[in-house]
Amino acid sequence: MTLTPDPGHMFVPSRAYQQLPKSPQKWVVEKLIPVGGLVNIFGKPKTGKSFLALGMAQAIVNGEPDWEGYPICTTGNVAYLQIDTPREEWSQRIGRLTFTDPQPHELFIADMWQVPQFPFDVLDPQKIGMGWLRDQIAAVNPVVTIIDTLREVHGGDENDSTVMRNVIANLVAACRPSAIVLLSHARKDSILTANGDDDMMDQGRGSSYVAGRMDVIIKLTAKRMMFKGRATGQQIEVIRQNEATGLIEIEPSTDDAAMKSLIADVRAQLGPKASQRAVCDELAKRTKTSYTTALRRIKAHGAP
C-alpha cells in the first residue's frame, strides 16, 4: 500500500507521518533556533538580550554561514517586534548593524508607534493585536520572529500558567510557521551561583509554563551565555559585548587543541608569507564559518 502525505486534521499511521511535509532543515541557527521552534532569551536588565537577538538577526538576513561559530542552516527574512525601547535609542542600535550589499533578505521592524494599539495585547478579546501581528507576519514571511519583550505583548498575569499558555498559543497562531524568539527578564528572586551556570529552568520571570514550552532556553549574564534545548544538554559560552556595535560576541577558547592544530595546518599549507586575510579565508572555508569568526579564532591563538 502506498502512503501519501495527508494535510488534514487527523491522526495518521507512523509511516504516513514520516512523509508529511516538513522543512529540509532542523535549525535556523544550529543548537540555538530550531526551524518553527520556540526560544526564550532571558537575563537581568542590561545584559545584552536585544543585542544578542539583533546579532543573530543580522547574520540570518545577510545569509552568513554562521553566527559566532554556530552554523546558520536557514536564511531568510526576520521580523522584530520591539516595544520595550524608545525609537530614538533603537534606531541608533539598528544603525550600527552591517548588512550585505546586495542584501539577500530583510530585517523588518515594528515598534510601539507602529502597533495598532498600545499597550499591545495578544490576549485582547477583540483580537486587534493578534490579528495585526498575524497579517504583518504573513506579509513579510520571516524565518524568525523576535518578540522584545514577552512582558510587553500582553496584559495578563505572567505568573499564571493558564494566562501564559494562552499568550504563547496566540503568538504561535499569529507567527507560524516562523520560529519565535521571546525576550524576557530573569526572576528577581533567583538564587544564582557565582558563575550563573546553575539550572535555568526556574530562573525565567513568570510562570514556569514558559520554560517548559520552549524548545531552547538561552540565559545571559554579563560574561556568559548558557543554553539548554530539547536536543542538547546545557552548554556555556564566555561572551563579551562589542564596544562599537553593542553586539554579543563569543570569546574563542584559547585551549582548543583541535583548533590550534587546524590553524597550524592552514599556515603550513599556505606558507610563511601568507597574509592574514588568506589564512582567515582558508580557515573560514575549512570550518564553514564567516571571516569574522575565523579571524577571532586565529587571534585567540596568536596572530598569523
Protein backbone atom coordinates (compact mmCIF):
# COMPACT_ATOMS: atom_id res chain seq x y z
CA MET A 1 0.00 0.00 0.00
CA THR A 2 1.35 3.43 -0.94
CA LEU A 3 1.12 6.03 1.80
CA THR A 4 0.77 9.67 0.82
CA PRO A 5 1.01 12.79 2.97
CA ASP A 6 -2.34 13.90 4.34
CA PRO A 7 -2.50 17.58 5.39
CA GLY A 8 -5.89 17.05 7.07
CA HIS A 9 -6.54 17.45 10.81
CA MET A 10 -6.37 13.82 11.82
CA PHE A 11 -4.18 11.11 13.26
CA VAL A 12 -2.16 9.24 10.62
CA PRO A 13 -0.15 5.97 10.68
CA SER A 14 3.51 6.33 11.64
CA ARG A 15 4.79 5.61 8.12
CA ALA A 16 2.47 8.25 6.66
CA TYR A 17 3.54 10.67 9.35
CA GLN A 18 7.14 10.38 8.16
CA GLN A 19 6.02 11.54 4.71
CA LEU A 20 4.19 14.67 5.89
CA PRO A 21 5.61 17.98 4.56
CA LYS A 22 8.46 19.34 6.67
CA SER A 23 11.40 21.69 6.36
CA PRO A 24 14.58 20.10 4.95
CA GLN A 25 16.48 21.79 7.78
CA LYS A 26 16.06 21.27 11.53
CA TRP A 27 17.72 24.53 12.54
CA VAL A 28 17.80 28.21 11.63
CA VAL A 29 20.86 28.65 13.88
CA GLU A 30 22.23 25.27 14.92
CA LYS A 31 21.55 24.41 18.58
CA LEU A 32 20.03 27.85 19.23
CA ILE A 33 16.99 28.48 16.99
CA PRO A 34 15.05 25.48 15.63
CA VAL A 35 13.04 25.86 12.42
CA GLY A 36 9.50 26.76 13.50
CA GLY A 37 10.52 26.43 17.15
CA LEU A 38 10.21 28.49 20.31
CA VAL A 39 13.19 30.14 22.02
CA ASN A 40 13.37 32.19 25.21
CA ILE A 41 16.31 34.54 25.77
CA PHE A 42 16.28 35.84 29.34
CA GLY A 43 18.56 37.61 31.77
CA LYS A 44 18.84 40.57 34.10
CA PRO A 45 18.35 44.07 32.64
CA LYS A 46 21.24 45.46 30.55
CA THR A 47 22.88 42.07 29.91
CA GLY A 48 22.55 42.39 26.12
CA LYS A 49 19.46 40.30 25.30
CA SER A 50 18.34 42.61 22.48
CA PHE A 51 21.88 42.84 21.11
CA LEU A 52 22.13 39.04 21.10
CA ALA A 53 18.88 38.81 19.13
CA LEU A 54 19.96 41.59 16.74
CA GLY A 55 23.29 39.88 16.06
CA MET A 56 21.55 36.63 15.14
CA ALA A 57 19.04 38.52 13.00
CA GLN A 58 21.83 40.33 11.15
CA ALA A 59 23.60 37.06 10.35
CA ILE A 60 20.39 35.34 9.22
CA VAL A 61 19.27 38.09 6.83
CA ASN A 62 22.81 38.53 5.48
CA GLY A 63 22.92 34.84 4.58
CA GLU A 64 26.11 34.38 6.61
CA PRO A 65 27.45 30.84 7.13
CA ASP A 66 27.40 31.15 10.91
CA TRP A 67 26.62 33.29 13.92
CA GLU A 68 29.65 33.32 16.25
CA GLY A 69 30.65 29.82 15.16
CA TYR A 70 27.14 28.33 15.26
CA PRO A 71 26.15 27.30 11.71
CA ILE A 72 23.22 29.10 10.09
CA CYS A 73 21.24 26.41 8.30
CA THR A 74 18.25 28.50 7.18
CA THR A 75 18.38 32.08 5.95
CA GLY A 76 15.50 34.45 5.20
CA ASN A 77 13.64 37.49 6.45
CA VAL A 78 13.49 38.27 10.17
CA ALA A 79 10.65 40.20 11.85
CA TYR A 80 11.45 42.12 15.03
CA LEU A 81 8.60 43.45 17.21
CA GLN A 82 10.29 45.87 19.63
CA ILE A 83 8.05 47.61 22.14
CA ASP A 84 10.43 47.86 25.09
CA THR A 85 12.89 50.58 23.99
CA PRO A 86 12.27 54.15 22.72
CA ARG A 87 12.57 54.55 18.95
CA GLU A 88 15.40 57.08 19.28
CA GLU A 89 17.67 54.58 21.04
CA TRP A 90 16.52 51.64 18.95
CA SER A 91 17.23 53.46 15.70
CA GLN A 92 20.81 54.00 16.85
CA ARG A 93 21.22 50.28 17.52
CA ILE A 94 19.91 49.39 14.08
CA GLY A 95 22.25 51.94 12.54
CA ARG A 96 25.24 50.06 13.94
CA LEU A 97 24.31 46.84 12.16
CA THR A 98 26.10 45.84 8.96
CA PHE A 99 24.12 44.46 6.05
CA THR A 100 25.49 42.96 2.86
CA ASP A 101 25.04 44.71 -0.47
CA PRO A 102 23.01 43.44 -2.19
CA GLN A 103 21.14 42.19 0.86
CA PRO A 104 19.57 38.76 0.21
CA HIS A 105 16.90 39.15 2.89
CA GLU A 106 15.41 41.87 5.08
CA LEU A 107 15.15 42.69 8.77
CA PHE A 108 11.62 44.08 9.30
CA ILE A 109 11.00 46.14 12.44
CA ALA A 110 7.91 47.43 14.24
CA ASP A 111 7.98 49.49 17.44
CA MET A 112 5.41 50.80 19.92
CA TRP A 113 4.35 53.54 17.48
CA GLN A 114 3.58 51.08 14.69
CA VAL A 115 1.32 48.63 16.52
CA PRO A 116 -2.45 49.22 16.17
CA GLN A 117 -2.92 49.70 19.90
CA PHE A 118 -0.61 50.41 22.81
CA PRO A 119 -0.21 48.80 25.24
CA PHE A 120 -0.05 45.88 22.83
CA ASP A 121 -2.03 42.81 23.92
CA VAL A 122 -2.25 39.47 22.12
CA LEU A 123 -4.93 38.49 24.67
CA ASP A 124 -7.28 41.33 23.68
CA PRO A 125 -10.78 39.82 23.25
CA GLN A 126 -11.24 41.79 20.03
CA LYS A 127 -8.03 40.17 18.70
CA ILE A 128 -6.83 43.55 17.40
CA GLY A 129 -3.21 42.92 18.35
CA MET A 130 -3.18 39.26 17.37
CA GLY A 131 -4.89 39.91 14.04
CA TRP A 132 -2.50 42.72 13.17
CA LEU A 133 0.52 40.58 14.08
CA ARG A 134 -0.78 37.64 12.03
CA ASP A 135 -1.32 39.82 8.95
CA GLN A 136 2.08 41.51 9.25
CA ILE A 137 3.97 38.24 9.69
CA ALA A 138 2.16 36.71 6.72
CA ALA A 139 3.14 39.72 4.60
CA VAL A 140 6.90 39.55 5.31
CA ASN A 141 7.18 35.74 5.65
CA PRO A 142 10.06 35.61 8.16
CA VAL A 143 12.00 32.51 9.17
CA VAL A 144 12.33 34.04 12.66
CA THR A 145 10.08 36.45 14.57
CA ILE A 146 11.60 38.19 17.61
CA ILE A 147 9.32 39.48 20.38
CA ASP A 148 11.02 42.09 22.59
CA THR A 149 9.79 41.72 25.30
CA LEU A 150 7.31 38.99 26.26
CA ARG A 151 6.00 41.10 29.18
CA GLU A 152 5.10 43.93 26.78
CA VAL A 153 2.86 41.93 24.41
CA HIS A 154 0.11 41.01 26.87
CA GLY A 155 -1.74 42.48 29.85
CA GLY A 156 -2.27 39.26 31.79
CA ASP A 157 -0.71 37.83 34.93
CA GLU A 158 2.67 36.48 33.86
CA ASN A 159 2.74 34.15 36.88
CA ASP A 160 -0.47 32.39 35.83
CA SER A 161 0.23 29.27 33.76
CA THR A 162 -3.18 29.42 32.03
CA VAL A 163 -2.62 33.03 31.00
CA MET A 164 0.86 32.29 29.70
CA ARG A 165 -0.38 29.23 27.83
CA ASN A 166 -2.86 31.48 26.02
CA VAL A 167 -0.18 34.12 25.34
CA ILE A 168 2.17 31.58 23.78
CA ALA A 169 -0.67 29.91 21.86
CA ASN A 170 -1.76 33.25 20.37
CA LEU A 171 1.80 34.19 19.41
CA VAL A 172 2.31 30.82 17.71
CA ALA A 173 -1.00 31.13 15.88
CA ALA A 174 -0.06 34.63 14.66
CA CYS A 175 3.54 33.88 13.69
CA ARG A 176 3.63 30.31 12.40
CA PRO A 177 5.42 28.78 10.55
CA SER A 178 8.12 31.24 11.70
CA ALA A 179 10.36 30.37 14.62
CA ILE A 180 9.67 32.67 17.59
CA VAL A 181 12.33 34.17 19.86
CA LEU A 182 10.92 35.64 23.08
CA LEU A 183 13.00 38.07 25.14
CA SER A 184 12.25 38.31 28.85
CA HIS A 185 13.81 39.11 32.21
CA ALA A 186 15.18 36.80 34.89
CA ARG A 187 13.39 36.34 38.18
CA LYS A 188 14.37 38.93 40.77
CA ASP A 189 14.34 36.24 43.44
CA SER A 190 16.53 33.75 41.52
CA ILE A 191 19.29 32.17 43.59
CA LEU A 192 22.26 32.27 41.22
CA THR A 193 25.66 30.72 41.66
CA ALA A 194 28.79 32.87 41.33
CA ASN A 195 29.19 31.80 37.71
CA GLY A 196 25.49 31.83 36.92
CA ASP A 197 25.72 28.31 35.47
CA ASP A 198 23.13 26.51 37.60
CA ASP A 199 19.95 25.01 36.18
CA MET A 200 17.99 27.51 34.09
CA MET A 201 14.51 26.03 34.04
CA ASP A 202 13.19 28.03 37.02
CA GLN A 203 15.10 31.27 36.51
CA GLY A 204 13.00 32.97 33.85
CA ARG A 205 10.48 35.55 35.01
CA GLY A 206 6.85 34.48 35.30
CA SER A 207 5.14 31.12 35.06
CA SER A 208 7.29 28.01 34.66
CA TYR A 209 4.96 27.12 31.76
CA VAL A 210 7.05 29.38 29.52
CA ALA A 211 10.28 27.48 30.17
CA GLY A 212 8.55 24.14 29.76
CA ARG A 213 7.03 25.16 26.42
CA MET A 214 10.31 26.34 24.88
CA ASP A 215 12.49 24.26 22.55
CA VAL A 216 15.59 26.22 23.58
CA ILE A 217 16.27 28.44 26.60
CA ILE A 218 19.14 30.95 26.47
CA LYS A 219 20.28 32.77 29.60
CA LEU A 220 22.58 35.78 29.50
CA THR A 221 24.76 37.16 32.25
CA ALA A 222 27.38 39.86 31.90
CA LYS A 223 30.05 37.34 30.91
CA ARG A 224 28.28 34.13 29.90
CA MET A 225 25.67 32.75 27.55
CA MET A 226 24.12 29.49 28.72
CA PHE A 227 21.66 27.50 26.67
CA LYS A 228 19.70 24.31 27.01
CA GLY A 229 17.42 22.65 24.47
CA ARG A 230 15.31 19.57 23.92
CA ALA A 231 18.06 18.09 21.75
CA THR A 232 21.08 19.47 23.65
CA GLY A 233 22.35 19.46 27.20
CA GLN A 234 23.20 22.67 29.00
CA GLN A 235 26.16 24.45 27.43
CA ILE A 236 28.08 27.58 28.39
CA GLU A 237 29.92 30.15 26.27
CA VAL A 238 32.09 33.01 27.51
CA ILE A 239 30.90 36.23 25.87
CA ARG A 240 31.76 39.89 25.53
CA GLN A 241 29.88 42.91 24.20
CA ASN A 242 31.43 44.68 21.23
CA GLU A 243 32.07 48.28 22.29
CA ALA A 244 31.40 49.70 18.82
CA THR A 245 28.22 47.81 17.86
CA GLY A 246 26.94 46.53 21.21
CA LEU A 247 26.51 43.08 19.67
CA ILE A 248 27.27 39.98 21.71
CA GLU A 249 30.39 38.04 20.67
CA ILE A 250 31.62 34.65 21.85
CA GLU A 251 35.16 34.55 23.17
CA PRO A 252 37.13 31.78 21.41
CA SER A 253 38.63 29.15 23.67
CA THR A 254 42.41 29.58 23.94
CA ASP A 255 42.91 25.95 24.96
CA ASP A 256 41.15 24.37 21.97
CA ALA A 257 43.79 21.88 20.84
CA ALA A 258 41.89 20.85 17.72
CA MET A 259 41.54 24.47 16.57
CA LYS A 260 45.21 25.17 17.24
CA SER A 261 46.14 22.15 15.14
CA LEU A 262 43.85 23.22 12.30
CA ILE A 263 45.26 26.76 12.27
CA ALA A 264 48.80 25.37 12.21
CA ASP A 265 47.85 23.14 9.29
CA VAL A 266 46.39 26.09 7.37
CA ARG A 267 49.54 28.14 7.93
CA ALA A 268 51.74 25.23 6.82
CA GLN A 269 49.66 24.79 3.66
CA LEU A 270 49.76 28.47 2.70
CA GLY A 271 53.37 29.08 3.68
CA PRO A 272 55.08 31.65 5.93
CA LYS A 273 54.43 34.56 3.55
CA ALA A 274 50.66 34.09 3.51
CA SER A 275 48.68 37.18 4.52
CA GLN A 276 46.33 37.27 7.48
CA ARG A 277 43.44 37.56 5.03
CA ALA A 278 44.49 34.40 3.20
CA VAL A 279 44.83 32.44 6.44
CA CYS A 280 41.43 33.66 7.65
CA ASP A 281 39.77 32.87 4.33
CA GLU A 282 41.16 29.32 4.32
CA LEU A 283 40.18 28.70 7.95
CA ALA A 284 36.68 30.04 7.29
CA LYS A 285 36.40 27.72 4.29
CA ARG A 286 37.52 24.66 6.25
CA THR A 287 35.30 25.36 9.25
CA LYS A 288 32.35 26.65 7.19
CA THR A 289 32.20 29.85 9.21
CA SER A 290 32.44 33.56 8.50
CA TYR A 291 35.67 35.52 8.06
CA THR A 292 34.97 37.34 11.33
CA THR A 293 34.65 34.09 13.28
CA ALA A 294 37.82 32.71 11.72
CA LEU A 295 39.74 35.90 12.49
CA ARG A 296 38.67 35.84 16.13
CA ARG A 297 39.74 32.22 16.47
CA ILE A 298 43.15 32.95 14.93
CA LYS A 299 43.70 35.92 17.23
CA ALA A 300 42.88 33.76 20.24
CA HIS A 301 45.81 31.52 19.29
CA GLY A 302 48.17 34.27 18.17
CA ALA A 303 48.11 36.40 15.03
CA PRO A 304 49.18 34.67 11.78
